[in-house]
Amino acid sequence: TQQNPTTLLQKLFWIDGRIGRLSFVLLSVGQYFFVILGLVAGDAVSRSVGSEMAFVPAIVVVCTFLWSHVAVTAKRLHDRDRSGWWQLLAVVPVMGFVQMLFLAFASETPGPNRFGDAL
């Protein structure tokens, strides 16, 4: 079985392991906060400098946290004994929102599963 992530870096960027509901919700809220902050900061810098190239750091922040969101969601799906590929449902209108609510409130698979030990 795989080990569950223990450090914040592992929780944010590694796909292996499982995370529980509370970690999923807290990390997701934090990710959305930083994406919004990155976009606002990029917009402010590009307006003050007058160049679209000033938006490049904001794009890097958004891409970093997009990957982080994929990794966190995959680990939460692992906690439900589902493959991380299930998050592709998010491209279907409304299904992404429904899936996020489900992952935020559904209980974990009790005991060890193919993705690691229970938390």
Protein backbone atom coordinates (compact mmCIF):
# COMPACT_ATOMS: atom_id res chain seq x y z
CA THR A 1 0.00 0.00 0.00
CA GLN A 2 1.04 3.59 -0.50
CA GLN A 3 1.86 6.01 2.28
CA ASN A 4 -0.43 8.90 3.02
CA PRO A 5 0.99 12.40 2.57
CA THR A 6 2.35 13.91 5.77
CA THR A 7 3.82 17.28 4.80
CA LEU A 8 1.92 20.21 3.31
CA LEU A 9 4.05 19.96 0.18
CA GLN A 10 3.09 16.30 -0.26
CA LYS A 11 -0.57 17.08 0.36
CA LEU A 12 -0.54 19.86 -2.22
CA PHE A 13 1.51 18.40 -5.06
CA TRP A 14 1.83 14.60 -4.78
CA ILE A 15 -0.97 12.44 -6.21
CA ASP A 16 -0.28 9.33 -4.12
CA GLY A 17 -2.10 8.51 -0.90
CA ARG A 18 -5.32 9.64 0.73
CA ILE A 19 -6.60 12.73 2.52
CA GLY A 20 -9.74 13.15 4.58
CA ARG A 21 -12.68 15.50 4.23
CA LEU A 22 -11.38 18.26 6.47
CA SER A 23 -7.98 18.39 4.77
CA PHE A 24 -9.67 18.40 1.37
CA VAL A 25 -11.98 21.29 2.26
CA LEU A 26 -9.25 23.37 3.91
CA LEU A 27 -6.75 22.82 1.09
CA SER A 28 -9.39 23.56 -1.58
CA VAL A 29 -10.45 26.81 0.07
CA GLY A 30 -6.80 27.81 0.39
CA GLN A 31 -6.17 27.02 -3.27
CA TYR A 32 -9.09 29.13 -4.46
CA PHE A 33 -7.93 31.99 -2.23
CA PHE A 34 -4.42 31.94 -3.70
CA VAL A 35 -5.69 31.71 -7.29
CA ILE A 36 -7.92 34.75 -6.76
CA LEU A 37 -5.07 36.59 -5.01
CA GLY A 38 -2.71 35.74 -7.88
CA LEU A 39 -5.18 36.97 -10.50
CA VAL A 40 -5.88 40.21 -8.63
CA ALA A 41 -2.17 40.86 -8.09
CA GLY A 42 -1.41 40.11 -11.75
CA ASP A 43 -4.16 42.45 -12.88
CA ALA A 44 -2.94 45.23 -10.58
CA VAL A 45 0.67 44.85 -11.77
CA SER A 46 -0.29 44.72 -15.46
CA ARG A 47 -2.40 47.88 -15.08
CA SER A 48 0.36 49.78 -13.30
CA VAL A 49 3.14 48.65 -15.64
CA GLY A 50 0.97 48.78 -18.75
CA SER A 51 2.24 45.49 -20.15
CA GLU A 52 0.54 42.15 -20.55
CA MET A 53 3.87 40.48 -19.75
CA ALA A 54 3.41 41.56 -16.15
CA PHE A 55 0.60 39.00 -15.98
CA VAL A 56 3.05 36.10 -16.45
CA PRO A 57 3.68 35.59 -12.69
CA ALA A 58 -0.08 35.39 -12.12
CA ILE A 59 -0.34 32.74 -14.83
CA VAL A 60 2.43 30.75 -13.12
CA VAL A 61 0.55 30.98 -9.79
CA VAL A 62 -2.71 29.84 -11.40
CA CYS A 63 -1.04 26.89 -13.18
CA THR A 64 0.74 25.83 -9.98
CA PHE A 65 -2.48 25.83 -8.01
CA LEU A 66 -4.35 24.11 -10.84
CA TRP A 67 -1.92 21.20 -10.53
CA SER A 68 -2.29 21.34 -6.78
CA HIS A 69 -6.07 21.12 -7.11
CA VAL A 70 -5.73 18.05 -9.35
CA ALA A 71 -3.42 16.38 -6.79
CA VAL A 72 -5.63 17.20 -3.78
CA THR A 73 -8.79 16.03 -5.56
CA ALA A 74 -7.07 12.80 -6.65
CA LYS A 75 -6.08 12.04 -3.05
CA ARG A 76 -9.64 12.69 -1.84
CA LEU A 77 -10.97 10.38 -4.55
CA HIS A 78 -8.44 7.79 -3.38
CA ASP A 79 -9.90 8.15 0.10
CA ARG A 80 -13.24 7.14 -1.45
CA ASP A 81 -11.48 4.18 -3.20
CA ARG A 82 -11.86 5.81 -6.62
CA SER A 83 -9.25 6.54 -9.25
CA GLY A 84 -8.07 10.12 -9.64
CA TRP A 85 -9.36 9.99 -13.21
CA TRP A 86 -12.89 10.43 -11.82
CA GLN A 87 -12.15 14.13 -11.54
CA LEU A 88 -12.57 14.37 -15.30
CA LEU A 89 -16.29 14.58 -14.49
CA ALA A 90 -15.56 18.20 -13.63
CA VAL A 91 -15.50 19.07 -17.34
CA VAL A 92 -19.19 18.17 -17.57
CA PRO A 93 -21.28 21.23 -16.71
CA VAL A 94 -22.69 21.09 -13.16
CA MET A 95 -21.03 17.71 -12.48
CA GLY A 96 -17.82 19.36 -11.25
CA PHE A 97 -19.73 21.30 -8.62
CA VAL A 98 -21.72 18.22 -7.59
CA GLN A 99 -18.53 16.17 -7.37
CA MET A 100 -16.81 18.79 -5.18
CA LEU A 101 -19.79 18.83 -2.81
CA PHE A 102 -19.82 15.04 -2.71
CA LEU A 103 -16.10 14.88 -1.92
CA ALA A 104 -16.49 17.54 0.78
CA PHE A 105 -19.26 15.68 2.61
CA ALA A 106 -18.97 11.95 1.80
CA SER A 107 -17.27 9.73 4.34
CA GLU A 108 -14.08 7.88 3.54
CA THR A 109 -13.69 4.21 2.75
CA PRO A 110 -13.11 2.57 6.14
CA GLY A 111 -9.84 0.74 6.60
CA PRO A 112 -7.05 0.35 4.08
CA ASN A 113 -7.83 0.35 0.38
CA ARG A 114 -5.73 0.06 -2.77
CA PHE A 115 -4.50 3.66 -2.30
CA GLY A 116 -3.20 3.37 1.24
CA ASP A 117 -4.14 2.99 4.87
CA ALA A 118 -7.09 4.80 6.42
CA LEU A 119 -6.31 8.14 7.99
